[in-house]
Amino acid sequence: MDESLWILIDKLWQAEQRELQYLALDILSPLASKFSEGHVTKLEKMIITKSWWDTVDMIARNLIGKKLLKNQTC
């Protein structure tokens, strides 16, 4: 995944307008299957910096949760 995409996502995420965080999630959603281990850290930072219930749920359910479940060793 291109680093310039993550720069855009970070700018959207840091914006004051909540709708821009939704846009960032909309951009990332179709790419979730391509996330690597390094992307988990970026998604975790997003959860910590904008901890609204709806954005946290979206990241946990649709972005990071699938990656973590796939790598689960239980």
PDB file of N, CA and C in Angstrom:
ATOM      1  N   MET A   1       0.843  -1.175   0.000  1.00  0.00           N
ATOM      2  CA  MET A   1       0.000   0.000   0.000  1.00  0.00           C
ATOM      3  C   MET A   1       0.891   1.242   0.000  1.00  0.00           C
ATOM      4  N   ASP A   2       0.576   2.175  -0.828  1.00  0.00           N
ATOM      5  CA  ASP A   2       1.378   3.375  -1.026  1.00  0.00           C
ATOM      6  C   ASP A   2       1.374   4.271   0.217  1.00  0.00           C
ATOM      7  N   GLU A   3       2.549   4.766   0.572  1.00  0.00           N
ATOM      8  CA  GLU A   3       2.676   5.638   1.750  1.00  0.00           C
ATOM      9  C   GLU A   3       1.919   6.949   1.566  1.00  0.00           C
ATOM     10  N   SER A   4       1.789   7.412   0.326  1.00  0.00           N
ATOM     11  CA  SER A   4       1.056   8.665   0.095  1.00  0.00           C
ATOM     12  C   SER A   4      -0.420   8.515   0.483  1.00  0.00           C
ATOM     13  N   LEU A   5      -0.954   7.310   0.354  1.00  0.00           N
ATOM     14  CA  LEU A   5      -2.329   7.069   0.797  1.00  0.00           C
ATOM     15  C   LEU A   5      -2.440   7.271   2.301  1.00  0.00           C
ATOM     16  N   TRP A   6      -1.469   6.769   3.049  1.00  0.00           N
ATOM     17  CA  TRP A   6      -1.498   6.922   4.508  1.00  0.00           C
ATOM     18  C   TRP A   6      -1.295   8.369   4.926  1.00  0.00           C
ATOM     19  N   ILE A   7      -0.556   9.138   4.130  1.00  0.00           N
ATOM     20  CA  ILE A   7      -0.409  10.575   4.408  1.00  0.00           C
ATOM     21  C   ILE A   7      -1.765  11.255   4.261  1.00  0.00           C
ATOM     22  N   LEU A   8      -2.500  10.908   3.204  1.00  0.00           N
ATOM     23  CA  LEU A   8      -3.847  11.452   3.005  1.00  0.00           C
ATOM     24  C   LEU A   8      -4.765  11.039   4.153  1.00  0.00           C
ATOM     25  N   ILE A   9      -4.733   9.757   4.516  1.00  0.00           N
ATOM     26  CA  ILE A   9      -5.575   9.263   5.609  1.00  0.00           C
ATOM     27  C   ILE A   9      -5.265  10.017   6.890  1.00  0.00           C
ATOM     28  N   ASP A  10      -3.995  10.232   7.174  1.00  0.00           N
ATOM     29  CA  ASP A  10      -3.609  10.957   8.388  1.00  0.00           C
ATOM     30  C   ASP A  10      -4.126  12.388   8.369  1.00  0.00           C
ATOM     31  N   LYS A  11      -4.029  13.058   7.227  1.00  0.00           N
ATOM     32  CA  LYS A  11      -4.544  14.438   7.128  1.00  0.00           C
ATOM     33  C   LYS A  11      -6.051  14.473   7.336  1.00  0.00           C
ATOM     34  N   LEU A  12      -6.746  13.527   6.737  1.00  0.00           N
ATOM     35  CA  LEU A  12      -8.197  13.457   6.935  1.00  0.00           C
ATOM     36  C   LEU A  12      -8.527  13.183   8.393  1.00  0.00           C
ATOM     37  N   TRP A  13      -7.770  12.299   9.002  1.00  0.00           N
ATOM     38  CA  TRP A  13      -8.043  11.896  10.382  1.00  0.00           C
ATOM     39  C   TRP A  13      -7.795  13.045  11.356  1.00  0.00           C
ATOM     40  N   GLN A  14      -6.816  13.880  11.071  1.00  0.00           N
ATOM     41  CA  GLN A  14      -6.479  14.988  11.973  1.00  0.00           C
ATOM     42  C   GLN A  14      -7.389  16.203  11.791  1.00  0.00           C
ATOM     43  N   ALA A  15      -8.171  16.236  10.735  1.00  0.00           N
ATOM     44  CA  ALA A  15      -9.063  17.370  10.487  1.00  0.00           C
ATOM     45  C   ALA A  15     -10.121  17.478  11.582  1.00  0.00           C
ATOM     46  N   GLU A  16     -10.624  18.673  11.791  1.00  0.00           N
ATOM     47  CA  GLU A  16     -11.651  18.892  12.811  1.00  0.00           C
ATOM     48  C   GLU A  16     -13.005  18.329  12.406  1.00  0.00           C
ATOM     49  N   GLN A  17     -13.299  18.352  11.124  1.00  0.00           N
ATOM     50  CA  GLN A  17     -14.604  17.896  10.650  1.00  0.00           C
ATOM     51  C   GLN A  17     -14.693  16.374  10.733  1.00  0.00           C
ATOM     52  N   ARG A  18     -15.663  15.925  11.471  1.00  0.00           N
ATOM     53  CA  ARG A  18     -15.836  14.486  11.689  1.00  0.00           C
ATOM     54  C   ARG A  18     -16.113  13.734  10.388  1.00  0.00           C
ATOM     55  N   GLU A  19     -16.756  14.392   9.457  1.00  0.00           N
ATOM     56  CA  GLU A  19     -17.063  13.758   8.172  1.00  0.00           C
ATOM     57  C   GLU A  19     -15.791  13.347   7.429  1.00  0.00           C
ATOM     58  N   LEU A  20     -14.695  14.042   7.688  1.00  0.00           N
ATOM     59  CA  LEU A  20     -13.441  13.686   7.029  1.00  0.00           C
ATOM     60  C   LEU A  20     -12.854  12.394   7.605  1.00  0.00           C
ATOM     61  N   GLN A  21     -13.120  12.115   8.873  1.00  0.00           N
ATOM     62  CA  GLN A  21     -12.718  10.813   9.422  1.00  0.00           C
ATOM     63  C   GLN A  21     -13.542   9.702   8.770  1.00  0.00           C
ATOM     64  N   TYR A  22     -14.819   9.968   8.540  1.00  0.00           N
ATOM     65  CA  TYR A  22     -15.656   8.993   7.840  1.00  0.00           C
ATOM     66  C   TYR A  22     -15.129   8.746   6.430  1.00  0.00           C
ATOM     67  N   LEU A  23     -14.693   9.805   5.764  1.00  0.00           N
ATOM     68  CA  LEU A  23     -14.126   9.661   4.422  1.00  0.00           C
ATOM     69  C   LEU A  23     -12.866   8.795   4.467  1.00  0.00           C
ATOM     70  N   ALA A  24     -12.018   9.021   5.454  1.00  0.00           N
ATOM     71  CA  ALA A  24     -10.805   8.211   5.595  1.00  0.00           C
ATOM     72  C   ALA A  24     -11.164   6.732   5.745  1.00  0.00           C
ATOM     73  N   LEU A  25     -12.170   6.442   6.551  1.00  0.00           N
ATOM     74  CA  LEU A  25     -12.595   5.053   6.742  1.00  0.00           C
ATOM     75  C   LEU A  25     -13.194   4.471   5.467  1.00  0.00           C
ATOM     76  N   ASP A  26     -13.927   5.299   4.727  1.00  0.00           N
ATOM     77  CA  ASP A  26     -14.490   4.841   3.453  1.00  0.00           C
ATOM     78  C   ASP A  26     -13.391   4.509   2.448  1.00  0.00           C
ATOM     79  N   ILE A  27     -12.320   5.267   2.471  1.00  0.00           N
ATOM     80  CA  ILE A  27     -11.186   4.996   1.574  1.00  0.00           C
ATOM     81  C   ILE A  27     -10.493   3.696   1.982  1.00  0.00           C
ATOM     82  N   LEU A  28     -10.326   3.479   3.283  1.00  0.00           N
ATOM     83  CA  LEU A  28      -9.601   2.303   3.769  1.00  0.00           C
ATOM     84  C   LEU A  28     -10.396   1.004   3.691  1.00  0.00           C
ATOM     85  N   SER A  29     -11.695   1.078   3.811  1.00  0.00           N
ATOM     86  CA  SER A  29     -12.514  -0.140   3.888  1.00  0.00           C
ATOM     87  C   SER A  29     -12.267  -1.143   2.766  1.00  0.00           C
ATOM     88  N   PRO A  30     -12.278  -0.738   1.512  1.00  0.00           N
ATOM     89  CA  PRO A  30     -12.065  -1.739   0.459  1.00  0.00           C
ATOM     90  C   PRO A  30     -10.625  -2.265   0.391  1.00  0.00           C
ATOM     91  N   LEU A  31      -9.724  -1.629   1.127  1.00  0.00           N
ATOM     92  CA  LEU A  31      -8.320  -2.037   1.113  1.00  0.00           C
ATOM     93  C   LEU A  31      -7.942  -2.918   2.293  1.00  0.00           C
ATOM     94  N   ALA A  32      -8.885  -3.207   3.166  1.00  0.00           N
ATOM     95  CA  ALA A  32      -8.599  -3.919   4.422  1.00  0.00           C
ATOM     96  C   ALA A  32      -7.896  -5.254   4.197  1.00  0.00           C
ATOM     97  N   SER A  33      -8.227  -5.958   3.150  1.00  0.00           N
ATOM     98  CA  SER A  33      -7.605  -7.263   2.900  1.00  0.00           C
ATOM     99  C   SER A  33      -6.129  -7.139   2.532  1.00  0.00           C
ATOM    100  N   LYS A  34      -5.679  -5.955   2.194  1.00  0.00           N
ATOM    101  CA  LYS A  34      -4.288  -5.733   1.799  1.00  0.00           C
ATOM    102  C   LYS A  34      -3.417  -5.219   2.940  1.00  0.00           C
ATOM    103  N   PHE A  35      -4.003  -5.037   4.119  1.00  0.00           N
ATOM    104  CA  PHE A  35      -3.240  -4.522   5.249  1.00  0.00           C
ATOM    105  C   PHE A  35      -2.172  -5.521   5.671  1.00  0.00           C
ATOM    106  N   SER A  36      -1.024  -4.976   6.054  1.00  0.00           N
ATOM    107  CA  SER A  36       0.055  -5.799   6.588  1.00  0.00           C
ATOM    108  C   SER A  36       0.141  -5.560   8.097  1.00  0.00           C
ATOM    109  N   GLU A  37       1.068  -6.240   8.712  1.00  0.00           N
ATOM    110  CA  GLU A  37       1.256  -6.067  10.163  1.00  0.00           C
ATOM    111  C   GLU A  37       1.572  -4.607  10.507  1.00  0.00           C
ATOM    112  N   GLY A  38       2.321  -3.928   9.648  1.00  0.00           N
ATOM    113  CA  GLY A  38       2.663  -2.528   9.891  1.00  0.00           C
ATOM    114  C   GLY A  38       1.465  -1.602   9.906  1.00  0.00           C
ATOM    115  N   HIS A  39       0.430  -1.979   9.207  1.00  0.00           N
ATOM    116  CA  HIS A  39      -0.766  -1.142   9.165  1.00  0.00           C
ATOM    117  C   HIS A  39      -1.557  -1.220  10.467  1.00  0.00           C
ATOM    118  N   VAL A  40      -1.389  -2.285  11.211  1.00  0.00           N
ATOM    119  CA  VAL A  40      -2.102  -2.431  12.480  1.00  0.00           C
ATOM    120  C   VAL A  40      -1.724  -1.280  13.415  1.00  0.00           C
ATOM    121  N   THR A  41      -0.461  -0.911  13.426  1.00  0.00           N
ATOM    122  CA  THR A  41      -0.002   0.201  14.269  1.00  0.00           C
ATOM    123  C   THR A  41      -0.658   1.511  13.852  1.00  0.00           C
ATOM    124  N   LYS A  42      -0.788   1.737  12.552  1.00  0.00           N
ATOM    125  CA  LYS A  42      -1.421   2.960  12.057  1.00  0.00           C
ATOM    126  C   LYS A  42      -2.897   2.996  12.444  1.00  0.00           C
ATOM    127  N   LEU A  43      -3.565   1.864  12.324  1.00  0.00           N
ATOM    128  CA  LEU A  43      -4.979   1.794  12.691  1.00  0.00           C
ATOM    129  C   LEU A  43      -5.165   1.972  14.194  1.00  0.00           C
ATOM    130  N   GLU A  44      -4.243   1.419  14.957  1.00  0.00           N
ATOM    131  CA  GLU A  44      -4.298   1.587  16.410  1.00  0.00           C
ATOM    132  C   GLU A  44      -4.167   3.071  16.775  1.00  0.00           C
ATOM    133  N   LYS A  45      -3.274   3.777  16.094  1.00  0.00           N
ATOM    134  CA  LYS A  45      -3.115   5.217  16.339  1.00  0.00           C
ATOM    135  C   LYS A  45      -4.408   5.960  16.018  1.00  0.00           C
ATOM    136  N   MET A  46      -5.089   5.544  14.954  1.00  0.00           N
ATOM    137  CA  MET A  46      -6.361   6.179  14.603  1.00  0.00           C
ATOM    138  C   MET A  46      -7.386   5.972  15.714  1.00  0.00           C
ATOM    139  N   ILE A  47      -7.427   4.775  16.278  1.00  0.00           N
ATOM    140  CA  ILE A  47      -8.367   4.484  17.367  1.00  0.00           C
ATOM    141  C   ILE A  47      -8.072   5.371  18.581  1.00  0.00           C
ATOM    142  N   ILE A  48      -6.811   5.516  18.902  1.00  0.00           N
ATOM    143  CA  ILE A  48      -6.415   6.266  20.090  1.00  0.00           C
ATOM    144  C   ILE A  48      -6.646   7.764  19.922  1.00  0.00           C
ATOM    145  N   THR A  49      -6.421   8.295  18.721  1.00  0.00           N
ATOM    146  CA  THR A  49      -6.493   9.745  18.543  1.00  0.00           C
ATOM    147  C   THR A  49      -7.904  10.277  18.310  1.00  0.00           C
ATOM    148  N   LYS A  50      -8.810   9.455  17.810  1.00  0.00           N
ATOM    149  CA  LYS A  50     -10.200   9.886  17.599  1.00  0.00           C
ATOM    150  C   LYS A  50     -11.112   8.761  18.073  1.00  0.00           C
ATOM    151  N   SER A  51     -11.302   8.704  19.358  1.00  0.00           N
ATOM    152  CA  SER A  51     -11.999   7.570  19.975  1.00  0.00           C
ATOM    153  C   SER A  51     -13.501   7.790  20.079  1.00  0.00           C
ATOM    154  N   TRP A  52     -14.158   7.948  18.954  1.00  0.00           N
ATOM    155  CA  TRP A  52     -15.612   8.004  18.940  1.00  0.00           C
ATOM    156  C   TRP A  52     -16.128   6.594  18.755  1.00  0.00           C
ATOM    157  N   TRP A  53     -17.253   6.286  19.341  1.00  0.00           N
ATOM    158  CA  TRP A  53     -17.756   4.911  19.305  1.00  0.00           C
ATOM    159  C   TRP A  53     -17.928   4.422  17.878  1.00  0.00           C
ATOM    160  N   ASP A  54     -18.420   5.261  16.988  1.00  0.00           N
ATOM    161  CA  ASP A  54     -18.705   4.780  15.635  1.00  0.00           C
ATOM    162  C   ASP A  54     -17.439   4.561  14.815  1.00  0.00           C
ATOM    163  N   THR A  55     -16.442   5.425  14.983  1.00  0.00           N
ATOM    164  CA  THR A  55     -15.205   5.209  14.233  1.00  0.00           C
ATOM    165  C   THR A  55     -14.409   4.046  14.814  1.00  0.00           C
ATOM    166  N   VAL A  56     -14.415   3.907  16.136  1.00  0.00           N
ATOM    167  CA  VAL A  56     -13.733   2.764  16.758  1.00  0.00           C
ATOM    168  C   VAL A  56     -14.389   1.455  16.318  1.00  0.00           C
ATOM    169  N   ASP A  57     -15.714   1.428  16.315  1.00  0.00           N
ATOM    170  CA  ASP A  57     -16.419   0.219  15.868  1.00  0.00           C
ATOM    171  C   ASP A  57     -16.090  -0.122  14.423  1.00  0.00           C
ATOM    172  N   MET A  58     -16.057   0.883  13.566  1.00  0.00           N
ATOM    173  CA  MET A  58     -15.756   0.663  12.152  1.00  0.00           C
ATOM    174  C   MET A  58     -14.349   0.104  11.969  1.00  0.00           C
ATOM    175  N   ILE A  59     -13.396   0.689  12.665  1.00  0.00           N
ATOM    176  CA  ILE A  59     -12.011   0.217  12.549  1.00  0.00           C
ATOM    177  C   ILE A  59     -11.892  -1.196  13.108  1.00  0.00           C
ATOM    178  N   ALA A  60     -12.470  -1.418  14.281  1.00  0.00           N
ATOM    179  CA  ALA A  60     -12.368  -2.732  14.926  1.00  0.00           C
ATOM    180  C   ALA A  60     -13.062  -3.816  14.116  1.00  0.00           C
ATOM    181  N   ARG A  61     -14.235  -3.530  13.624  1.00  0.00           N
ATOM    182  CA  ARG A  61     -15.022  -4.541  12.923  1.00  0.00           C
ATOM    183  C   ARG A  61     -14.542  -4.766  11.488  1.00  0.00           C
ATOM    184  N   ASN A  62     -14.292  -3.695  10.765  1.00  0.00           N
ATOM    185  CA  ASN A  62     -14.047  -3.823   9.334  1.00  0.00           C
ATOM    186  C   ASN A  62     -12.595  -3.710   8.899  1.00  0.00           C
ATOM    187  N   LEU A  63     -11.756  -3.148   9.728  1.00  0.00           N
ATOM    188  CA  LEU A  63     -10.380  -2.936   9.295  1.00  0.00           C
ATOM    189  C   LEU A  63      -9.377  -3.786  10.076  1.00  0.00           C
ATOM    190  N   ILE A  64      -9.243  -3.518  11.351  1.00  0.00           N
ATOM    191  CA  ILE A  64      -8.213  -4.210  12.135  1.00  0.00           C
ATOM    192  C   ILE A  64      -8.678  -5.570  12.657  1.00  0.00           C
ATOM    193  N   GLY A  65      -9.958  -5.688  12.964  1.00  0.00           N
ATOM    194  CA  GLY A  65     -10.471  -6.937  13.530  1.00  0.00           C
ATOM    195  C   GLY A  65     -10.282  -8.124  12.610  1.00  0.00           C
ATOM    196  N   LYS A  66     -10.535  -7.945  11.326  1.00  0.00           N
ATOM    197  CA  LYS A  66     -10.378  -9.040  10.366  1.00  0.00           C
ATOM    198  C   LYS A  66      -8.925  -9.493  10.288  1.00  0.00           C
ATOM    199  N   LYS A  67      -8.014  -8.552  10.321  1.00  0.00           N
ATOM    200  CA  LYS A  67      -6.578  -8.869  10.267  1.00  0.00           C
ATOM    201  C   LYS A  67      -6.158  -9.640  11.520  1.00  0.00           C
ATOM    202  N   LEU A  68      -6.611  -9.183  12.670  1.00  0.00           N
ATOM    203  CA  LEU A  68      -6.232  -9.835  13.912  1.00  0.00           C
ATOM    204  C   LEU A  68      -6.834 -11.231  14.025  1.00  0.00           C
ATOM    205  N   LEU A  69      -8.083 -11.382  13.615  1.00  0.00           N
ATOM    206  CA  LEU A  69      -8.702 -12.706  13.649  1.00  0.00           C
ATOM    207  C   LEU A  69      -8.029 -13.681  12.697  1.00  0.00           C
ATOM    208  N   LYS A  70      -7.605 -13.183  11.577  1.00  0.00           N
ATOM    209  CA  LYS A  70      -6.930 -14.020  10.587  1.00  0.00           C
ATOM    210  C   LYS A  70      -5.605 -14.561  11.128  1.00  0.00           C
ATOM    211  N   ASN A  71      -4.937 -13.766  11.954  1.00  0.00           N
ATOM    212  CA  ASN A  71      -3.644 -14.147  12.525  1.00  0.00           C
ATOM    213  C   ASN A  71      -3.749 -14.791  13.898  1.00  0.00           C
ATOM    214  N   GLN A  72      -4.971 -15.019  14.351  1.00  0.00           N
ATOM    215  CA  GLN A  72      -5.193 -15.603  15.672  1.00  0.00           C
ATOM    216  C   GLN A  72      -4.646 -17.025  15.698  1.00  0.00           C
ATOM    217  N   THR A  73      -4.000 -17.402  16.784  1.00  0.00           N
ATOM    218  CA  THR A  73      -3.408 -18.717  16.885  1.00  0.00           C
ATOM    219  C   THR A  73      -4.140 -19.616  17.888  1.00  0.00           C
ATOM    220  N   CYS A  74      -5.322 -19.246  18.293  1.00  0.00           N
ATOM    221  CA  CYS A  74      -6.086 -20.030  19.272  1.00  0.00           C
ATOM    222  C   CYS A  74      -6.705 -21.246  18.625  1.00  0.00           C
TER     223      CYS A  74
END
